[in-house]
Amino acid sequence: MKVKGIIRGKTIELVESLPVTDGLEIVIEISDSPPVESDEKWEQLQAIIGVWKNDQEIIEIFDEINRERHAH
């Protein structure tokens, strides 16, 4: 299971609830993930937007999925 958290002193504040019992001992692996600037995020998003546009193979795959979904 992977979850994100924020370190505040000796406390790690999780950004979501976990389905575990209070008091459970856990092992934490720390990986540094520096914040990504919004301009950089936008550049990354633009790099993948439309990557499948006009890709005939993808069009055929989704057409087949659509046919199968409506066949039943």
PDB file of N, CA and C in Angstrom:
ATOM      1  N   MET A   1       0.853  -1.167   0.000  1.00  0.00           N
ATOM      2  CA  MET A   1       0.000   0.000   0.000  1.00  0.00           C
ATOM      3  C   MET A   1       0.898   1.228   0.000  1.00  0.00           C
ATOM      4  N   LYS A   2       0.540   2.224  -0.800  1.00  0.00           N
ATOM      5  CA  LYS A   2       1.275   3.476  -0.847  1.00  0.00           C
ATOM      6  C   LYS A   2       0.330   4.601  -0.479  1.00  0.00           C
ATOM      7  N   VAL A   3       0.768   5.479   0.403  1.00  0.00           N
ATOM      8  CA  VAL A   3      -0.025   6.653   0.752  1.00  0.00           C
ATOM      9  C   VAL A   3       0.908   7.849   0.835  1.00  0.00           C
ATOM     10  N   LYS A   4       0.350   9.022   0.655  1.00  0.00           N
ATOM     11  CA  LYS A   4       1.137  10.244   0.769  1.00  0.00           C
ATOM     12  C   LYS A   4       0.940  10.836   2.150  1.00  0.00           C
ATOM     13  N   GLY A   5       1.967  11.513   2.615  1.00  0.00           N
ATOM     14  CA  GLY A   5       1.891  12.172   3.903  1.00  0.00           C
ATOM     15  C   GLY A   5       2.812  13.373   3.938  1.00  0.00           C
ATOM     16  N   ILE A   6       2.640  14.176   4.961  1.00  0.00           N
ATOM     17  CA  ILE A   6       3.457  15.374   5.160  1.00  0.00           C
ATOM     18  C   ILE A   6       4.122  15.252   6.519  1.00  0.00           C
ATOM     19  N   ILE A   7       5.439  15.452   6.552  1.00  0.00           N
ATOM     20  CA  ILE A   7       6.173  15.373   7.814  1.00  0.00           C
ATOM     21  C   ILE A   7       6.067  16.710   8.526  1.00  0.00           C
ATOM     22  N   ARG A   8       5.653  16.657   9.775  1.00  0.00           N
ATOM     23  CA  ARG A   8       5.569  17.840  10.642  1.00  0.00           C
ATOM     24  C   ARG A   8       6.280  17.480  11.941  1.00  0.00           C
ATOM     25  N   GLY A   9       7.564  17.844  12.014  1.00  0.00           N
ATOM     26  CA  GLY A   9       8.357  17.459  13.182  1.00  0.00           C
ATOM     27  C   GLY A   9       8.563  15.962  13.185  1.00  0.00           C
ATOM     28  N   LYS A  10       8.141  15.304  14.271  1.00  0.00           N
ATOM     29  CA  LYS A  10       8.270  13.845  14.368  1.00  0.00           C
ATOM     30  C   LYS A  10       6.971  13.128  13.988  1.00  0.00           C
ATOM     31  N   THR A  11       6.029  13.884  13.425  1.00  0.00           N
ATOM     32  CA  THR A  11       4.729  13.323  13.057  1.00  0.00           C
ATOM     33  C   THR A  11       4.582  13.298  11.539  1.00  0.00           C
ATOM     34  N   ILE A  12       4.007  12.226  11.029  1.00  0.00           N
ATOM     35  CA  ILE A  12       3.676  12.152   9.606  1.00  0.00           C
ATOM     36  C   ILE A  12       2.167  12.263   9.491  1.00  0.00           C
ATOM     37  N   GLU A  13       1.723  13.322   8.845  1.00  0.00           N
ATOM     38  CA  GLU A  13       0.289  13.568   8.660  1.00  0.00           C
ATOM     39  C   GLU A  13      -0.117  12.983   7.308  1.00  0.00           C
ATOM     40  N   LEU A  14      -0.992  11.978   7.334  1.00  0.00           N
ATOM     41  CA  LEU A  14      -1.431  11.327   6.102  1.00  0.00           C
ATOM     42  C   LEU A  14      -2.501  12.160   5.423  1.00  0.00           C
ATOM     43  N   VAL A  15      -2.499  12.143   4.099  1.00  0.00           N
ATOM     44  CA  VAL A  15      -3.483  12.928   3.359  1.00  0.00           C
ATOM     45  C   VAL A  15      -4.791  12.172   3.148  1.00  0.00           C
ATOM     46  N   GLU A  16      -4.829  10.903   3.566  1.00  0.00           N
ATOM     47  CA  GLU A  16      -6.059  10.117   3.468  1.00  0.00           C
ATOM     48  C   GLU A  16      -6.121   9.136   4.631  1.00  0.00           C
ATOM     49  N   SER A  17      -7.303   8.654   4.922  1.00  0.00           N
ATOM     50  CA  SER A  17      -7.472   7.670   5.995  1.00  0.00           C
ATOM     51  C   SER A  17      -6.976   6.311   5.538  1.00  0.00           C
ATOM     52  N   LEU A  18      -6.493   5.521   6.493  1.00  0.00           N
ATOM     53  CA  LEU A  18      -6.033   4.167   6.190  1.00  0.00           C
ATOM     54  C   LEU A  18      -6.938   3.148   6.857  1.00  0.00           C
ATOM     55  N   PRO A  19      -7.153   2.017   6.201  1.00  0.00           N
ATOM     56  CA  PRO A  19      -7.988   0.969   6.793  1.00  0.00           C
ATOM     57  C   PRO A  19      -7.177   0.081   7.734  1.00  0.00           C
ATOM     58  N   VAL A  20      -6.552   0.692   8.732  1.00  0.00           N
ATOM     59  CA  VAL A  20      -5.747  -0.056   9.703  1.00  0.00           C
ATOM     60  C   VAL A  20      -6.156   0.344  11.118  1.00  0.00           C
ATOM     61  N   THR A  21      -5.838  -0.512  12.068  1.00  0.00           N
ATOM     62  CA  THR A  21      -6.186  -0.290  13.467  1.00  0.00           C
ATOM     63  C   THR A  21      -5.226   0.700  14.107  1.00  0.00           C
ATOM     64  N   ASP A  22      -5.760   1.604  14.936  1.00  0.00           N
ATOM     65  CA  ASP A  22      -4.903   2.519  15.693  1.00  0.00           C
ATOM     66  C   ASP A  22      -3.910   1.719  16.515  1.00  0.00           C
ATOM     67  N   GLY A  23      -2.689   2.197  16.585  1.00  0.00           N
ATOM     68  CA  GLY A  23      -1.667   1.539  17.378  1.00  0.00           C
ATOM     69  C   GLY A  23      -0.880   0.486  16.622  1.00  0.00           C
ATOM     70  N   LEU A  24      -1.281   0.196  15.384  1.00  0.00           N
ATOM     71  CA  LEU A  24      -0.580  -0.797  14.580  1.00  0.00           C
ATOM     72  C   LEU A  24       0.821  -0.287  14.253  1.00  0.00           C
ATOM     73  N   GLU A  25       1.836  -1.127  14.469  1.00  0.00           N
ATOM     74  CA  GLU A  25       3.205  -0.750  14.124  1.00  0.00           C
ATOM     75  C   GLU A  25       3.398  -0.957  12.629  1.00  0.00           C
ATOM     76  N   ILE A  26       3.966   0.051  11.967  1.00  0.00           N
ATOM     77  CA  ILE A  26       4.185  -0.022  10.523  1.00  0.00           C
ATOM     78  C   ILE A  26       5.634   0.314  10.204  1.00  0.00           C
ATOM     79  N   VAL A  27       6.059  -0.008   9.007  1.00  0.00           N
ATOM     80  CA  VAL A  27       7.382   0.351   8.509  1.00  0.00           C
ATOM     81  C   VAL A  27       7.181   1.378   7.407  1.00  0.00           C
ATOM     82  N   ILE A  28       7.952   2.442   7.454  1.00  0.00           N
ATOM     83  CA  ILE A  28       7.803   3.523   6.485  1.00  0.00           C
ATOM     84  C   ILE A  28       9.068   3.627   5.648  1.00  0.00           C
ATOM     85  N   GLU A  29       8.900   3.659   4.340  1.00  0.00           N
ATOM     86  CA  GLU A  29      10.017   3.896   3.425  1.00  0.00           C
ATOM     87  C   GLU A  29       9.867   5.315   2.899  1.00  0.00           C
ATOM     88  N   ILE A  30      10.877   6.127   3.090  1.00  0.00           N
ATOM     89  CA  ILE A  30      10.817   7.533   2.691  1.00  0.00           C
ATOM     90  C   ILE A  30      11.416   7.694   1.294  1.00  0.00           C
ATOM     91  N   SER A  31      10.677   8.342   0.416  1.00  0.00           N
ATOM     92  CA  SER A  31      11.215   8.720  -0.891  1.00  0.00           C
ATOM     93  C   SER A  31      10.910  10.195  -1.087  1.00  0.00           C
ATOM     94  N   ASP A  32      11.921  10.919  -1.449  1.00  0.00           N
ATOM     95  CA  ASP A  32      11.781  12.358  -1.616  1.00  0.00           C
ATOM     96  C   ASP A  32      11.098  12.644  -2.943  1.00  0.00           C
ATOM     97  N   SER A  33       9.995  13.334  -2.900  1.00  0.00           N
ATOM     98  CA  SER A  33       9.317  13.725  -4.131  1.00  0.00           C
ATOM     99  C   SER A  33       9.096  15.229  -4.085  1.00  0.00           C
ATOM    100  N   PRO A  34      10.023  15.972  -4.680  1.00  0.00           N
ATOM    101  CA  PRO A  34       9.903  17.426  -4.643  1.00  0.00           C
ATOM    102  C   PRO A  34       8.635  17.881  -5.347  1.00  0.00           C
ATOM    103  N   PRO A  35       8.035  18.959  -4.869  1.00  0.00           N
ATOM    104  CA  PRO A  35       6.803  19.450  -5.499  1.00  0.00           C
ATOM    105  C   PRO A  35       7.062  19.860  -6.949  1.00  0.00           C
ATOM    106  N   VAL A  36       6.089  19.591  -7.793  1.00  0.00           N
ATOM    107  CA  VAL A  36       6.193  19.953  -9.201  1.00  0.00           C
ATOM    108  C   VAL A  36       5.477  21.283  -9.387  1.00  0.00           C
ATOM    109  N   GLU A  37       6.147  22.209 -10.031  1.00  0.00           N
ATOM    110  CA  GLU A  37       5.550  23.519 -10.297  1.00  0.00           C
ATOM    111  C   GLU A  37       4.378  23.369 -11.264  1.00  0.00           C
ATOM    112  N   SER A  38       3.396  24.245 -11.151  1.00  0.00           N
ATOM    113  CA  SER A  38       2.209  24.131 -12.002  1.00  0.00           C
ATOM    114  C   SER A  38       2.560  24.279 -13.480  1.00  0.00           C
ATOM    115  N   ASP A  39       3.549  25.123 -13.813  1.00  0.00           N
ATOM    116  CA  ASP A  39       3.962  25.249 -15.217  1.00  0.00           C
ATOM    117  C   ASP A  39       4.532  23.932 -15.724  1.00  0.00           C
ATOM    118  N   GLU A  40       5.314  23.260 -14.880  1.00  0.00           N
ATOM    119  CA  GLU A  40       5.900  21.977 -15.264  1.00  0.00           C
ATOM    120  C   GLU A  40       4.806  20.921 -15.421  1.00  0.00           C
ATOM    121  N   LYS A  41       3.813  20.935 -14.513  1.00  0.00           N
ATOM    122  CA  LYS A  41       2.693  19.995 -14.626  1.00  0.00           C
ATOM    123  C   LYS A  41       1.961  20.203 -15.948  1.00  0.00           C
ATOM    124  N   TRP A  42       1.733  21.471 -16.306  1.00  0.00           N
ATOM    125  CA  TRP A  42       1.022  21.779 -17.539  1.00  0.00           C
ATOM    126  C   TRP A  42       1.820  21.292 -18.746  1.00  0.00           C
ATOM    127  N   GLU A  43       3.141  21.490 -18.733  1.00  0.00           N
ATOM    128  CA  GLU A  43       3.983  21.016 -19.832  1.00  0.00           C
ATOM    129  C   GLU A  43       3.907  19.493 -19.951  1.00  0.00           C
ATOM    130  N   GLN A  44       3.923  18.802 -18.811  1.00  0.00           N
ATOM    131  CA  GLN A  44       3.826  17.347 -18.828  1.00  0.00           C
ATOM    132  C   GLN A  44       2.477  16.904 -19.385  1.00  0.00           C
ATOM    133  N   LEU A  45       1.421  17.590 -18.986  1.00  0.00           N
ATOM    134  CA  LEU A  45       0.083  17.256 -19.472  1.00  0.00           C
ATOM    135  C   LEU A  45      -0.029  17.500 -20.972  1.00  0.00           C
ATOM    136  N   GLN A  46       0.496  18.624 -21.437  1.00  0.00           N
ATOM    137  CA  GLN A  46       0.435  18.935 -22.864  1.00  0.00           C
ATOM    138  C   GLN A  46       1.178  17.894 -23.698  1.00  0.00           C
ATOM    139  N   ALA A  47       2.232  17.310 -23.122  1.00  0.00           N
ATOM    140  CA  ALA A  47       3.012  16.306 -23.845  1.00  0.00           C
ATOM    141  C   ALA A  47       2.201  15.044 -24.126  1.00  0.00           C
ATOM    142  N   ILE A  48       1.188  14.761 -23.285  1.00  0.00           N
ATOM    143  CA  ILE A  48       0.405  13.538 -23.489  1.00  0.00           C
ATOM    144  C   ILE A  48      -1.002  13.781 -24.026  1.00  0.00           C
ATOM    145  N   ILE A  49      -1.449  15.036 -24.012  1.00  0.00           N
ATOM    146  CA  ILE A  49      -2.789  15.334 -24.535  1.00  0.00           C
ATOM    147  C   ILE A  49      -2.828  14.998 -26.024  1.00  0.00           C
ATOM    148  N   GLY A  50      -3.776  14.234 -26.410  1.00  0.00           N
ATOM    149  CA  GLY A  50      -3.965  13.913 -27.817  1.00  0.00           C
ATOM    150  C   GLY A  50      -2.987  12.901 -28.379  1.00  0.00           C
ATOM    151  N   VAL A  51      -2.267  12.215 -27.497  1.00  0.00           N
ATOM    152  CA  VAL A  51      -1.260  11.272 -27.973  1.00  0.00           C
ATOM    153  C   VAL A  51      -1.889  10.147 -28.799  1.00  0.00           C
ATOM    154  N   TRP A  52      -3.161   9.813 -28.548  1.00  0.00           N
ATOM    155  CA  TRP A  52      -3.844   8.752 -29.293  1.00  0.00           C
ATOM    156  C   TRP A  52      -4.699   9.299 -30.431  1.00  0.00           C
ATOM    157  N   LYS A  53      -4.713  10.596 -30.585  1.00  0.00           N
ATOM    158  CA  LYS A  53      -5.555  11.197 -31.619  1.00  0.00           C
ATOM    159  C   LYS A  53      -5.179  10.631 -32.988  1.00  0.00           C
ATOM    160  N   ASN A  54      -6.187  10.233 -33.732  1.00  0.00           N
ATOM    161  CA  ASN A  54      -6.014   9.684 -35.083  1.00  0.00           C
ATOM    162  C   ASN A  54      -5.190   8.395 -35.117  1.00  0.00           C
ATOM    163  N   ASP A  55      -5.112   7.685 -33.998  1.00  0.00           N
ATOM    164  CA  ASP A  55      -4.414   6.394 -33.955  1.00  0.00           C
ATOM    165  C   ASP A  55      -5.443   5.323 -34.314  1.00  0.00           C
ATOM    166  N   GLN A  56      -5.366   4.798 -35.520  1.00  0.00           N
ATOM    167  CA  GLN A  56      -6.378   3.868 -36.022  1.00  0.00           C
ATOM    168  C   GLN A  56      -6.503   2.625 -35.149  1.00  0.00           C
ATOM    169  N   GLU A  57      -5.388   2.125 -34.626  1.00  0.00           N
ATOM    170  CA  GLU A  57      -5.440   0.929 -33.780  1.00  0.00           C
ATOM    171  C   GLU A  57      -6.264   1.189 -32.518  1.00  0.00           C
ATOM    172  N   ILE A  58      -6.059   2.334 -31.892  1.00  0.00           N
ATOM    173  CA  ILE A  58      -6.820   2.687 -30.685  1.00  0.00           C
ATOM    174  C   ILE A  58      -8.296   2.864 -31.028  1.00  0.00           C
ATOM    175  N   ILE A  59      -8.573   3.497 -32.153  1.00  0.00           N
ATOM    176  CA  ILE A  59      -9.961   3.686 -32.584  1.00  0.00           C
ATOM    177  C   ILE A  59     -10.650   2.331 -32.744  1.00  0.00           C
ATOM    178  N   GLU A  60      -9.960   1.378 -33.373  1.00  0.00           N
ATOM    179  CA  GLU A  60     -10.522   0.039 -33.566  1.00  0.00           C
ATOM    180  C   GLU A  60     -10.731  -0.681 -32.234  1.00  0.00           C
ATOM    181  N   ILE A  61      -9.796  -0.525 -31.315  1.00  0.00           N
ATOM    182  CA  ILE A  61      -9.925  -1.159 -29.995  1.00  0.00           C
ATOM    183  C   ILE A  61     -11.158  -0.632 -29.273  1.00  0.00           C
ATOM    184  N   PHE A  62     -11.333   0.689 -29.269  1.00  0.00           N
ATOM    185  CA  PHE A  62     -12.481   1.259 -28.576  1.00  0.00           C
ATOM    186  C   PHE A  62     -13.794   0.954 -29.297  1.00  0.00           C
ATOM    187  N   ASP A  63     -13.750   0.859 -30.610  1.00  0.00           N
ATOM    188  CA  ASP A  63     -14.948   0.445 -31.349  1.00  0.00           C
ATOM    189  C   ASP A  63     -15.357  -0.974 -30.958  1.00  0.00           C
ATOM    190  N   GLU A  64     -14.376  -1.871 -30.847  1.00  0.00           N
ATOM    191  CA  GLU A  64     -14.647  -3.257 -30.448  1.00  0.00           C
ATOM    192  C   GLU A  64     -15.212  -3.315 -29.028  1.00  0.00           C
ATOM    193  N   ILE A  65     -14.623  -2.550 -28.127  1.00  0.00           N
ATOM    194  CA  ILE A  65     -15.125  -2.499 -26.747  1.00  0.00           C
ATOM    195  C   ILE A  65     -16.572  -2.024 -26.743  1.00  0.00           C
ATOM    196  N   ASN A  66     -16.858  -0.999 -27.512  1.00  0.00           N
ATOM    197  CA  ASN A  66     -18.210  -0.457 -27.585  1.00  0.00           C
ATOM    198  C   ASN A  66     -19.193  -1.497 -28.129  1.00  0.00           C
ATOM    199  N   ARG A  67     -18.789  -2.222 -29.170  1.00  0.00           N
ATOM    200  CA  ARG A  67     -19.663  -3.269 -29.732  1.00  0.00           C
ATOM    201  C   ARG A  67     -19.934  -4.359 -28.698  1.00  0.00           C
ATOM    202  N   GLU A  68     -18.888  -4.785 -27.989  1.00  0.00           N
ATOM    203  CA  GLU A  68     -19.053  -5.834 -26.975  1.00  0.00           C
ATOM    204  C   GLU A  68     -19.957  -5.372 -25.838  1.00  0.00           C
ATOM    205  N   ARG A  69     -19.829  -4.138 -25.428  1.00  0.00           N
ATOM    206  CA  ARG A  69     -20.657  -3.620 -24.332  1.00  0.00           C
ATOM    207  C   ARG A  69     -22.130  -3.587 -24.709  1.00  0.00           C
ATOM    208  N   HIS A  70     -22.419  -3.299 -25.964  1.00  0.00           N
ATOM    209  CA  HIS A  70     -23.812  -3.167 -26.385  1.00  0.00           C
ATOM    210  C   HIS A  70     -24.391  -4.450 -26.976  1.00  0.00           C
ATOM    211  N   ALA A  71     -23.600  -5.501 -27.041  1.00  0.00           N
ATOM    212  CA  ALA A  71     -24.070  -6.769 -27.602  1.00  0.00           C
ATOM    213  C   ALA A  71     -24.894  -7.566 -26.601  1.00  0.00           C
ATOM    214  N   HIS A  72     -24.818  -7.242 -25.348  1.00  0.00           N
ATOM    215  CA  HIS A  72     -25.494  -8.039 -24.307  1.00  0.00           C
ATOM    216  C   HIS A  72     -26.760  -7.393 -23.853  1.00  0.00           C
TER     217      HIS A  72
END
